[in-house]
N, C-alpha and C. Protein backbone atom coordinates (compact mmCIF):
# COMPACT_ATOMS: atom_id res chain seq x y z
N MET A 1 46.13 -6.15 -3.23
CA MET A 1 45.55 -4.77 -3.19
C MET A 1 45.00 -4.59 -1.69
N GLY A 2 45.45 -3.56 -1.08
CA GLY A 2 44.98 -3.34 0.26
C GLY A 2 43.56 -2.63 0.33
N PRO A 3 43.09 -2.54 1.59
CA PRO A 3 41.78 -1.87 1.76
C PRO A 3 41.85 -0.39 1.51
N VAL A 4 40.71 0.23 1.18
CA VAL A 4 40.65 1.63 0.87
C VAL A 4 40.68 2.37 2.28
N ASP A 5 41.50 3.40 2.36
CA ASP A 5 41.64 4.19 3.58
C ASP A 5 40.36 5.14 3.55
N SER A 6 39.52 5.05 4.58
CA SER A 6 38.31 5.88 4.63
C SER A 6 38.48 7.21 5.52
N ARG A 7 39.67 7.47 5.93
CA ARG A 7 39.91 8.67 6.76
C ARG A 7 39.72 9.93 5.81
N ARG A 8 39.21 10.97 6.38
CA ARG A 8 38.97 12.17 5.60
C ARG A 8 40.37 12.91 5.43
N PRO A 9 40.77 13.15 4.16
CA PRO A 9 42.04 13.81 3.90
C PRO A 9 41.87 15.36 3.98
N THR A 10 41.86 15.90 5.25
CA THR A 10 41.59 17.27 5.39
C THR A 10 42.67 18.18 4.74
N GLY A 11 43.93 17.75 4.92
CA GLY A 11 45.00 18.58 4.30
C GLY A 11 44.88 18.59 2.82
N LEU A 12 44.60 17.46 2.20
CA LEU A 12 44.41 17.45 0.76
C LEU A 12 43.22 18.35 0.40
N ALA A 13 42.17 18.27 1.13
CA ALA A 13 41.01 19.05 0.83
C ALA A 13 41.26 20.51 0.81
N VAL A 14 41.96 20.98 1.79
CA VAL A 14 42.28 22.42 1.93
C VAL A 14 43.23 22.75 0.66
N PHE A 15 44.16 21.92 0.46
CA PHE A 15 45.06 22.23 -0.74
C PHE A 15 44.26 22.29 -2.01
N LEU A 16 43.36 21.37 -2.24
CA LEU A 16 42.52 21.39 -3.44
C LEU A 16 41.82 22.70 -3.61
N VAL A 17 41.20 23.11 -2.55
CA VAL A 17 40.48 24.44 -2.66
C VAL A 17 41.43 25.54 -3.02
N ILE A 18 42.53 25.64 -2.26
CA ILE A 18 43.53 26.71 -2.48
C ILE A 18 44.03 26.62 -3.95
N ALA A 19 44.48 25.50 -4.35
CA ALA A 19 45.02 25.23 -5.71
C ALA A 19 43.89 25.65 -6.78
N GLY A 20 42.78 25.19 -6.55
CA GLY A 20 41.61 25.48 -7.49
C GLY A 20 41.39 27.01 -7.64
N VAL A 21 41.42 27.70 -6.50
CA VAL A 21 41.22 29.18 -6.52
C VAL A 21 42.36 29.82 -7.22
N VAL A 22 43.62 29.45 -6.97
CA VAL A 22 44.76 30.09 -7.68
C VAL A 22 44.71 29.81 -9.16
N GLY A 23 44.34 28.57 -9.55
CA GLY A 23 44.27 28.26 -10.89
C GLY A 23 43.11 29.07 -11.57
N LEU A 24 41.99 29.20 -10.84
CA LEU A 24 40.86 29.86 -11.45
C LEU A 24 41.18 31.44 -11.63
N VAL A 25 41.87 31.93 -10.65
CA VAL A 25 42.25 33.35 -10.77
C VAL A 25 43.22 33.56 -11.95
N SER A 26 44.17 32.66 -12.14
CA SER A 26 45.07 32.79 -13.23
C SER A 26 44.32 32.64 -14.62
N ALA A 27 43.48 31.67 -14.72
CA ALA A 27 42.71 31.48 -15.95
C ALA A 27 41.78 32.71 -16.15
N PHE A 28 41.27 33.32 -15.20
CA PHE A 28 40.42 34.52 -15.34
C PHE A 28 41.17 35.66 -15.85
N ALA A 29 42.38 35.77 -15.27
CA ALA A 29 43.33 36.90 -15.71
C ALA A 29 43.72 36.73 -17.14
N LEU A 30 44.05 35.45 -17.53
CA LEU A 30 44.43 35.19 -18.92
C LEU A 30 43.21 35.43 -19.84
N THR A 31 41.97 35.12 -19.38
CA THR A 31 40.83 35.44 -20.21
C THR A 31 40.64 36.85 -20.47
N LEU A 32 40.72 37.68 -19.36
CA LEU A 32 40.71 39.16 -19.56
C LEU A 32 41.75 39.67 -20.51
N ASP A 33 43.00 39.13 -20.40
CA ASP A 33 44.01 39.56 -21.33
C ASP A 33 43.70 39.19 -22.78
N LYS A 34 43.07 38.00 -22.95
CA LYS A 34 42.74 37.57 -24.31
C LYS A 34 41.65 38.40 -24.91
N ILE A 35 40.74 38.80 -24.02
CA ILE A 35 39.70 39.75 -24.57
C ILE A 35 40.26 41.07 -24.96
N ALA A 36 41.23 41.56 -24.10
CA ALA A 36 41.94 42.82 -24.46
C ALA A 36 42.66 42.71 -25.78
N VAL A 37 43.36 41.59 -26.05
CA VAL A 37 44.07 41.41 -27.32
C VAL A 37 43.13 41.32 -28.49
N LEU A 38 41.94 40.74 -28.28
CA LEU A 38 40.94 40.60 -29.34
C LEU A 38 40.40 41.99 -29.68
N GLU A 39 40.22 42.81 -28.65
CA GLU A 39 39.67 44.17 -28.87
C GLU A 39 40.76 45.12 -29.54
N ASP A 40 41.96 44.87 -29.05
CA ASP A 40 43.09 45.67 -29.60
C ASP A 40 44.39 44.91 -29.66
N PRO A 41 44.75 44.32 -30.85
CA PRO A 41 45.90 43.50 -30.96
C PRO A 41 47.19 44.19 -30.42
N ALA A 42 47.14 45.48 -30.39
CA ALA A 42 48.37 46.21 -29.90
C ALA A 42 48.22 46.59 -28.46
N ALA A 43 47.29 45.99 -27.78
CA ALA A 43 47.04 46.33 -26.38
C ALA A 43 48.24 46.01 -25.51
N SER A 44 48.49 46.96 -24.52
CA SER A 44 49.65 46.78 -23.65
C SER A 44 49.08 46.04 -22.36
N LEU A 45 49.50 44.77 -22.33
CA LEU A 45 49.04 43.89 -21.23
C LEU A 45 49.89 44.07 -20.04
N GLY A 46 49.23 43.92 -18.83
CA GLY A 46 49.99 44.08 -17.55
C GLY A 46 50.99 42.96 -17.34
N CYS A 47 50.83 41.84 -18.09
CA CYS A 47 51.77 40.72 -17.86
C CYS A 47 52.90 40.69 -18.90
N ASN A 48 52.92 41.75 -19.75
CA ASN A 48 53.98 41.86 -20.77
C ASN A 48 55.11 42.71 -20.15
N PHE A 49 56.19 42.04 -19.67
CA PHE A 49 57.29 42.70 -19.05
C PHE A 49 58.48 42.81 -19.99
N SER A 50 58.61 41.89 -20.95
CA SER A 50 59.70 41.95 -21.85
C SER A 50 59.37 41.00 -23.05
N LEU A 51 60.30 40.93 -23.96
CA LEU A 51 60.09 39.95 -25.10
C LEU A 51 60.16 38.49 -24.46
N LEU A 52 60.81 38.31 -23.45
CA LEU A 52 60.91 36.94 -22.86
C LEU A 52 59.75 36.69 -21.91
N VAL A 53 59.41 37.57 -21.01
CA VAL A 53 58.40 37.51 -19.97
C VAL A 53 57.14 38.21 -20.47
N GLN A 54 56.14 37.46 -21.04
CA GLN A 54 54.93 38.14 -21.57
C GLN A 54 53.85 37.11 -21.77
N CYS A 55 52.63 37.60 -21.85
CA CYS A 55 51.47 36.81 -22.11
C CYS A 55 51.06 36.92 -23.54
N GLY A 56 51.26 38.04 -24.13
CA GLY A 56 50.71 38.42 -25.47
C GLY A 56 51.01 37.38 -26.55
N ALA A 57 52.30 36.97 -26.65
CA ALA A 57 52.73 36.01 -27.62
C ALA A 57 52.02 34.72 -27.56
N ASN A 58 51.90 34.23 -26.28
CA ASN A 58 51.21 32.96 -26.01
C ASN A 58 49.78 32.97 -26.34
N LEU A 59 49.10 34.12 -25.87
CA LEU A 59 47.63 34.15 -26.17
C LEU A 59 47.34 34.34 -27.63
N SER A 60 48.18 34.96 -28.40
CA SER A 60 47.95 35.11 -29.76
C SER A 60 48.38 34.07 -30.71
N SER A 61 49.05 33.05 -30.08
CA SER A 61 49.61 31.92 -30.91
C SER A 61 48.61 30.86 -31.13
N ALA A 62 48.85 30.00 -32.06
CA ALA A 62 47.98 28.80 -32.33
C ALA A 62 47.89 27.92 -31.06
N GLN A 63 49.01 27.86 -30.34
CA GLN A 63 49.09 27.05 -29.14
C GLN A 63 48.12 27.52 -28.02
N GLY A 64 47.81 28.82 -28.17
CA GLY A 64 46.92 29.44 -27.14
C GLY A 64 45.46 29.17 -27.36
N ALA A 65 45.14 28.42 -28.44
CA ALA A 65 43.74 28.04 -28.69
C ALA A 65 43.75 26.65 -29.34
N VAL A 66 44.23 25.70 -28.59
CA VAL A 66 44.38 24.37 -29.12
C VAL A 66 43.08 23.70 -29.66
N LEU A 67 41.99 23.96 -28.97
CA LEU A 67 40.69 23.42 -29.27
C LEU A 67 39.88 24.26 -30.14
N GLY A 68 40.40 25.37 -30.58
CA GLY A 68 39.67 26.28 -31.40
C GLY A 68 39.09 27.44 -30.65
N PHE A 69 39.31 27.49 -29.36
CA PHE A 69 38.91 28.61 -28.50
C PHE A 69 40.04 28.81 -27.51
N PRO A 70 40.09 30.01 -26.87
CA PRO A 70 41.18 30.24 -25.99
C PRO A 70 41.39 29.30 -24.88
N ASN A 71 42.65 28.82 -24.72
CA ASN A 71 43.00 27.85 -23.56
C ASN A 71 42.43 28.37 -22.24
N PRO A 72 42.48 29.65 -21.85
CA PRO A 72 42.06 29.97 -20.51
C PRO A 72 40.62 29.63 -20.22
N LEU A 73 39.78 29.47 -21.27
CA LEU A 73 38.41 28.98 -20.97
C LEU A 73 38.40 27.58 -20.48
N ILE A 74 39.36 26.79 -20.89
CA ILE A 74 39.45 25.45 -20.32
C ILE A 74 39.77 25.50 -18.87
N GLY A 75 40.70 26.47 -18.51
CA GLY A 75 41.08 26.57 -17.09
C GLY A 75 39.87 27.09 -16.25
N LEU A 76 39.05 27.99 -16.78
CA LEU A 76 37.87 28.47 -16.05
C LEU A 76 36.97 27.33 -15.67
N ALA A 77 36.85 26.37 -16.54
CA ALA A 77 36.00 25.24 -16.24
C ALA A 77 36.71 24.21 -15.32
N ALA A 78 37.97 23.88 -15.76
CA ALA A 78 38.67 22.74 -15.06
C ALA A 78 38.99 23.04 -13.64
N PHE A 79 39.42 24.26 -13.30
CA PHE A 79 39.81 24.59 -11.99
C PHE A 79 38.62 24.64 -10.96
N CYS A 80 37.44 24.56 -11.48
CA CYS A 80 36.27 24.48 -10.59
C CYS A 80 36.27 23.13 -9.88
N ALA A 81 36.81 22.05 -10.64
CA ALA A 81 36.69 20.81 -10.11
C ALA A 81 37.41 20.56 -8.84
N PRO A 82 38.71 20.95 -8.62
CA PRO A 82 39.40 20.76 -7.36
C PRO A 82 38.68 21.53 -6.17
N ILE A 83 38.15 22.75 -6.56
CA ILE A 83 37.45 23.52 -5.50
C ILE A 83 36.21 22.80 -5.01
N VAL A 84 35.47 22.20 -5.94
CA VAL A 84 34.25 21.43 -5.56
C VAL A 84 34.59 20.17 -4.75
N VAL A 85 35.58 19.38 -5.31
CA VAL A 85 36.03 18.22 -4.62
C VAL A 85 36.54 18.51 -3.16
N GLY A 86 37.43 19.51 -3.07
CA GLY A 86 37.94 19.86 -1.80
C GLY A 86 36.93 20.42 -0.78
N THR A 87 35.98 21.14 -1.30
CA THR A 87 34.91 21.68 -0.46
C THR A 87 34.07 20.59 0.00
N GLY A 88 33.75 19.59 -0.90
CA GLY A 88 32.93 18.47 -0.50
C GLY A 88 33.59 17.61 0.57
N LEU A 89 34.88 17.41 0.43
CA LEU A 89 35.64 16.69 1.42
C LEU A 89 35.56 17.33 2.84
N LEU A 90 35.76 18.71 2.80
CA LEU A 90 35.68 19.44 4.06
C LEU A 90 34.31 19.35 4.69
N ALA A 91 33.29 19.27 3.85
CA ALA A 91 31.87 19.10 4.34
C ALA A 91 31.57 17.70 4.78
N GLY A 92 32.43 16.74 4.62
CA GLY A 92 32.20 15.41 5.05
C GLY A 92 31.87 14.37 3.95
N ALA A 93 32.01 14.77 2.73
CA ALA A 93 31.70 13.87 1.69
C ALA A 93 32.59 12.69 1.60
N ARG A 94 32.11 11.57 1.18
CA ARG A 94 32.98 10.40 0.96
C ARG A 94 32.73 9.94 -0.43
N TYR A 95 33.75 10.11 -1.31
CA TYR A 95 33.64 9.81 -2.70
C TYR A 95 33.85 8.42 -3.04
N ALA A 96 33.12 7.82 -4.05
CA ALA A 96 33.32 6.47 -4.41
C ALA A 96 34.67 6.35 -5.13
N ARG A 97 35.12 5.05 -5.30
CA ARG A 97 36.38 4.85 -6.00
C ARG A 97 36.30 5.31 -7.44
N TRP A 98 35.24 5.16 -8.10
CA TRP A 98 35.08 5.55 -9.51
C TRP A 98 35.23 7.06 -9.62
N PHE A 99 34.72 7.76 -8.62
CA PHE A 99 34.80 9.32 -8.65
C PHE A 99 36.26 9.75 -8.57
N TRP A 100 36.97 9.11 -7.61
CA TRP A 100 38.43 9.47 -7.43
C TRP A 100 39.20 9.12 -8.73
N LEU A 101 38.97 8.02 -9.31
CA LEU A 101 39.62 7.61 -10.57
C LEU A 101 39.32 8.59 -11.69
N ALA A 102 38.04 8.98 -11.76
CA ALA A 102 37.68 9.96 -12.79
C ALA A 102 38.36 11.24 -12.60
N PHE A 103 38.43 11.71 -11.25
CA PHE A 103 39.09 13.00 -10.98
C PHE A 103 40.53 12.87 -11.25
N GLU A 104 41.11 11.74 -10.94
CA GLU A 104 42.60 11.58 -11.28
C GLU A 104 42.86 11.56 -12.73
N PHE A 105 41.89 10.98 -13.53
CA PHE A 105 42.05 10.97 -15.02
C PHE A 105 41.95 12.43 -15.50
N GLY A 106 41.16 13.30 -15.02
CA GLY A 106 41.13 14.63 -15.38
C GLY A 106 42.39 15.40 -15.07
N ILE A 107 42.95 15.07 -13.89
CA ILE A 107 44.21 15.80 -13.47
C ILE A 107 45.38 15.27 -14.32
N VAL A 108 45.42 13.98 -14.73
CA VAL A 108 46.44 13.49 -15.53
C VAL A 108 46.31 14.17 -16.95
N LEU A 109 45.16 14.34 -17.43
CA LEU A 109 44.99 15.10 -18.73
C LEU A 109 45.46 16.54 -18.58
N GLY A 110 45.14 17.09 -17.43
CA GLY A 110 45.60 18.47 -17.16
C GLY A 110 47.08 18.50 -17.19
N LEU A 111 47.78 17.59 -16.47
CA LEU A 111 49.25 17.67 -16.39
C LEU A 111 49.83 17.42 -17.78
N ALA A 112 49.25 16.51 -18.59
CA ALA A 112 49.77 16.34 -19.94
C ALA A 112 49.66 17.52 -20.83
N PHE A 113 48.61 18.21 -20.63
CA PHE A 113 48.35 19.51 -21.39
C PHE A 113 49.32 20.57 -20.96
N VAL A 114 49.56 20.67 -19.68
CA VAL A 114 50.53 21.65 -19.10
C VAL A 114 51.92 21.29 -19.62
N CYS A 115 52.30 20.04 -19.56
CA CYS A 115 53.64 19.64 -19.99
C CYS A 115 53.86 20.03 -21.50
N TRP A 116 52.83 19.86 -22.28
CA TRP A 116 52.82 20.23 -23.70
C TRP A 116 53.04 21.82 -23.86
N LEU A 117 52.24 22.47 -23.00
CA LEU A 117 52.32 23.97 -23.10
C LEU A 117 53.66 24.43 -22.62
N ILE A 118 54.26 23.84 -21.63
CA ILE A 118 55.58 24.21 -21.17
C ILE A 118 56.57 24.01 -22.31
N GLY A 119 56.47 22.88 -22.99
CA GLY A 119 57.43 22.58 -24.07
C GLY A 119 57.23 23.64 -25.24
N GLN A 120 55.91 23.93 -25.55
CA GLN A 120 55.63 24.87 -26.65
C GLN A 120 56.17 26.28 -26.28
N SER A 121 55.93 26.62 -24.98
CA SER A 121 56.36 27.97 -24.57
C SER A 121 57.84 28.14 -24.61
N ILE A 122 58.59 27.15 -24.10
CA ILE A 122 60.04 27.24 -24.02
C ILE A 122 60.70 26.97 -25.34
N PHE A 123 60.25 25.95 -26.07
CA PHE A 123 61.03 25.51 -27.27
C PHE A 123 60.55 26.12 -28.58
N ILE A 124 59.17 26.56 -28.62
CA ILE A 124 58.67 27.01 -29.87
C ILE A 124 58.46 28.52 -29.79
N LEU A 125 57.79 28.98 -28.80
CA LEU A 125 57.42 30.38 -28.71
C LEU A 125 58.54 31.17 -28.13
N GLY A 126 59.35 30.55 -27.23
CA GLY A 126 60.48 31.35 -26.58
C GLY A 126 60.04 32.38 -25.70
N THR A 127 58.95 32.14 -24.98
CA THR A 127 58.46 33.14 -24.03
C THR A 127 58.08 32.47 -22.74
N LEU A 128 58.03 33.23 -21.65
CA LEU A 128 57.48 32.71 -20.39
C LEU A 128 56.43 33.63 -20.00
N CYS A 129 55.16 33.05 -19.98
CA CYS A 129 53.93 33.87 -19.64
C CYS A 129 53.69 33.74 -18.15
N PRO A 130 53.67 34.83 -17.47
CA PRO A 130 53.59 34.81 -15.94
C PRO A 130 52.32 34.06 -15.52
N TRP A 131 51.16 34.42 -16.10
CA TRP A 131 49.93 33.76 -15.66
C TRP A 131 49.90 32.26 -16.05
N CYS A 132 50.46 31.96 -17.15
CA CYS A 132 50.63 30.62 -17.59
C CYS A 132 51.50 29.84 -16.60
N MET A 133 52.56 30.44 -16.20
CA MET A 133 53.51 29.78 -15.30
C MET A 133 52.83 29.48 -13.95
N LEU A 134 51.93 30.40 -13.59
CA LEU A 134 51.16 30.20 -12.34
C LEU A 134 50.24 28.99 -12.45
N VAL A 135 49.63 28.88 -13.62
CA VAL A 135 48.87 27.66 -13.94
C VAL A 135 49.72 26.35 -13.85
N TRP A 136 50.89 26.39 -14.46
CA TRP A 136 51.81 25.22 -14.42
C TRP A 136 52.14 24.98 -12.97
N ALA A 137 52.45 25.98 -12.15
CA ALA A 137 52.79 25.84 -10.82
C ALA A 137 51.70 25.24 -9.92
N THR A 138 50.49 25.38 -10.43
CA THR A 138 49.31 24.87 -9.68
C THR A 138 49.05 23.46 -10.09
N VAL A 139 49.10 23.12 -11.32
CA VAL A 139 48.80 21.80 -11.84
C VAL A 139 49.79 20.77 -11.34
N ILE A 140 51.09 21.08 -11.33
CA ILE A 140 52.02 20.13 -10.91
C ILE A 140 51.82 19.56 -9.57
N PRO A 141 51.67 20.46 -8.50
CA PRO A 141 51.44 19.76 -7.23
C PRO A 141 49.98 19.17 -7.09
N LEU A 142 49.11 19.63 -7.83
CA LEU A 142 47.77 19.01 -7.85
C LEU A 142 47.88 17.63 -8.34
N PHE A 143 48.64 17.31 -9.35
CA PHE A 143 48.86 15.98 -9.82
C PHE A 143 49.56 15.09 -8.79
N LEU A 144 50.60 15.63 -8.28
CA LEU A 144 51.36 14.86 -7.25
C LEU A 144 50.57 14.58 -6.02
N ALA A 145 49.87 15.52 -5.53
CA ALA A 145 49.09 15.27 -4.30
C ALA A 145 47.99 14.24 -4.47
N VAL A 146 47.13 14.44 -5.53
CA VAL A 146 46.06 13.62 -5.76
C VAL A 146 46.48 12.13 -6.16
N THR A 147 47.47 12.08 -6.98
CA THR A 147 48.01 10.74 -7.41
C THR A 147 48.57 9.98 -6.25
N LEU A 148 49.46 10.60 -5.45
CA LEU A 148 50.02 9.91 -4.36
C LEU A 148 48.95 9.60 -3.28
N TYR A 149 47.93 10.50 -3.10
CA TYR A 149 46.85 10.20 -2.16
C TYR A 149 46.07 9.01 -2.58
N ILE A 150 45.64 8.96 -3.77
CA ILE A 150 44.83 7.77 -4.17
C ILE A 150 45.58 6.44 -4.15
N VAL A 151 46.88 6.57 -4.34
CA VAL A 151 47.73 5.35 -4.29
C VAL A 151 47.88 4.95 -2.76
N ARG A 152 48.15 5.92 -1.92
CA ARG A 152 48.29 5.62 -0.45
C ARG A 152 46.98 5.17 0.17
N ALA A 153 45.94 5.70 -0.28
CA ALA A 153 44.61 5.33 0.28
C ALA A 153 44.03 3.99 -0.26
N GLY A 154 44.76 3.42 -1.26
CA GLY A 154 44.24 2.15 -1.77
C GLY A 154 43.12 2.35 -2.81
N ILE A 155 42.96 3.60 -3.28
CA ILE A 155 41.86 3.82 -4.27
C ILE A 155 42.30 3.32 -5.69
N LEU A 156 43.58 3.53 -5.98
CA LEU A 156 44.10 3.00 -7.20
C LEU A 156 44.51 1.49 -6.96
N PRO A 157 43.94 0.59 -7.69
CA PRO A 157 44.18 -0.82 -7.33
C PRO A 157 45.62 -1.30 -7.70
N LEU A 158 46.44 -1.25 -6.74
CA LEU A 158 47.85 -1.66 -6.90
C LEU A 158 48.23 -2.69 -5.85
N PRO A 159 49.19 -3.55 -6.11
CA PRO A 159 49.67 -4.51 -5.05
C PRO A 159 50.10 -3.77 -3.74
N SER A 160 49.88 -4.29 -2.62
CA SER A 160 50.13 -3.67 -1.34
C SER A 160 51.62 -3.15 -1.21
N PRO A 161 52.64 -3.91 -1.65
CA PRO A 161 53.99 -3.43 -1.56
C PRO A 161 54.19 -2.15 -2.46
N VAL A 162 53.68 -2.12 -3.55
CA VAL A 162 53.73 -1.01 -4.42
C VAL A 162 53.06 0.24 -3.78
N ARG A 163 51.85 -0.05 -3.33
CA ARG A 163 50.98 0.97 -2.67
C ARG A 163 51.77 1.62 -1.49
N ARG A 164 52.41 0.87 -0.72
CA ARG A 164 53.05 1.36 0.46
C ARG A 164 54.37 2.15 0.06
N ALA A 165 55.10 1.63 -0.90
CA ALA A 165 56.29 2.34 -1.37
C ALA A 165 55.95 3.71 -2.03
N VAL A 166 54.99 3.67 -2.96
CA VAL A 166 54.64 4.93 -3.56
C VAL A 166 53.92 5.87 -2.66
N GLY A 167 52.99 5.23 -1.88
CA GLY A 167 52.22 6.10 -0.86
C GLY A 167 53.12 6.76 0.07
N ALA A 168 54.28 6.28 0.36
CA ALA A 168 55.20 6.88 1.37
C ALA A 168 55.71 8.24 0.86
N LEU A 169 55.58 8.43 -0.42
CA LEU A 169 56.08 9.71 -1.04
C LEU A 169 55.09 10.84 -0.84
N TYR A 170 53.81 10.46 -0.37
CA TYR A 170 52.79 11.49 -0.21
C TYR A 170 53.24 12.64 0.71
N GLN A 171 54.01 12.28 1.76
CA GLN A 171 54.39 13.37 2.68
C GLN A 171 55.45 14.26 2.14
N TRP A 172 56.01 13.81 0.93
CA TRP A 172 57.15 14.59 0.30
C TRP A 172 56.63 15.38 -0.89
N VAL A 173 55.30 15.63 -0.93
CA VAL A 173 54.73 16.28 -2.09
C VAL A 173 55.35 17.74 -2.26
N PRO A 174 55.56 18.50 -1.13
CA PRO A 174 56.24 19.82 -1.28
C PRO A 174 57.54 19.72 -1.90
N LEU A 175 58.41 18.80 -1.45
CA LEU A 175 59.75 18.64 -1.93
C LEU A 175 59.73 18.22 -3.43
N LEU A 176 58.86 17.28 -3.81
CA LEU A 176 58.78 16.81 -5.13
C LEU A 176 58.32 17.95 -6.04
N THR A 177 57.47 18.75 -5.48
CA THR A 177 56.93 19.92 -6.31
C THR A 177 58.08 20.91 -6.60
N VAL A 178 58.93 21.20 -5.56
CA VAL A 178 60.06 22.07 -5.77
C VAL A 178 61.02 21.54 -6.83
N LEU A 179 61.18 20.20 -6.70
CA LEU A 179 62.14 19.53 -7.65
C LEU A 179 61.63 19.73 -9.15
N CYS A 180 60.29 19.57 -9.26
CA CYS A 180 59.71 19.73 -10.55
C CYS A 180 59.89 21.14 -11.02
N TYR A 181 59.67 22.18 -10.20
CA TYR A 181 59.94 23.47 -10.51
C TYR A 181 61.31 23.79 -10.98
N VAL A 182 62.23 23.15 -10.25
CA VAL A 182 63.66 23.35 -10.54
C VAL A 182 63.95 22.72 -11.89
N ALA A 183 63.35 21.60 -12.25
CA ALA A 183 63.63 20.94 -13.51
C ALA A 183 63.13 21.89 -14.64
N VAL A 184 61.91 22.50 -14.49
CA VAL A 184 61.34 23.32 -15.54
C VAL A 184 62.27 24.62 -15.70
N ALA A 185 62.68 25.14 -14.46
CA ALA A 185 63.51 26.29 -14.52
C ALA A 185 64.91 26.06 -15.22
N VAL A 186 65.48 24.85 -14.94
CA VAL A 186 66.72 24.58 -15.56
C VAL A 186 66.61 24.40 -17.14
N ILE A 187 65.48 23.69 -17.60
CA ILE A 187 65.20 23.59 -18.95
C ILE A 187 65.04 24.99 -19.62
N ALA A 188 64.28 25.86 -18.97
CA ALA A 188 64.05 27.24 -19.45
C ALA A 188 65.40 27.97 -19.56
N GLN A 189 66.19 27.77 -18.55
CA GLN A 189 67.50 28.55 -18.52
C GLN A 189 68.38 28.03 -19.63
N LEU A 190 68.49 26.72 -19.84
CA LEU A 190 69.28 26.16 -20.84
C LEU A 190 68.79 26.55 -22.27
N ARG A 191 67.56 26.64 -22.42
CA ARG A 191 66.98 26.90 -23.80
C ARG A 191 66.89 28.40 -24.01
N LEU A 192 66.45 29.21 -23.03
CA LEU A 192 66.26 30.66 -23.24
C LEU A 192 67.19 31.54 -22.59
N ASP A 193 68.18 31.01 -21.86
CA ASP A 193 69.19 31.83 -21.17
C ASP A 193 68.46 32.98 -20.39
N VAL A 194 67.57 32.53 -19.53
CA VAL A 194 66.61 33.46 -18.83
C VAL A 194 67.42 34.43 -17.97
N LEU A 195 68.35 33.96 -17.22
CA LEU A 195 69.09 34.91 -16.20
C LEU A 195 69.68 36.10 -16.92
N SER A 196 70.40 35.85 -18.05
CA SER A 196 71.16 36.94 -18.67
C SER A 196 70.06 37.86 -19.38
N ARG A 197 68.93 37.38 -19.66
CA ARG A 197 67.98 38.16 -20.47
C ARG A 197 67.12 39.02 -19.52
N LEU A 198 67.18 38.68 -18.19
CA LEU A 198 66.38 39.44 -17.28
C LEU A 198 67.20 40.56 -16.61
N THR A 199 68.49 40.53 -16.88
CA THR A 199 69.32 41.63 -16.23
C THR A 199 69.61 42.75 -17.23
């Protein structure tokens, strides 16, 4: 296991803030839509474009309230974390190893939840929620960037050869993110025939 890289990850910090803000805005928009549906189940939501592309079905489903309350409330709390961590890094904070590992654990849970939601949306509900997709699009690169950073920086205790090999992928986060987007898009197309239903 190599030494921990103490250099300030400015690029990661900026990305964390931006991603956190995007995720927070998405969760807030979904929360407002959920309130509108609770007030009027027949409400016309701005994110409802068709039977395929809509938020209403997702928000009203059992999958939309996994813990007994609307999922967007989880996002309102969770997306504050990357904003706080990124802002702290920009201000010169140096986080302990345990802090980074706890942050990574939270992001792994977030990715697992998003993957489950993607599966439920595509295979069970048969819909694509615009705001939900923006959340998915935020969590995926968050996971890649933070995971590859903590590996490269030596925060995650791995043998040096593994750390160097995996850490080398850190500069390819944008490409890896696009590949993940393409994979989700292909799955959605194969299952929902998205292209023909949008025309």
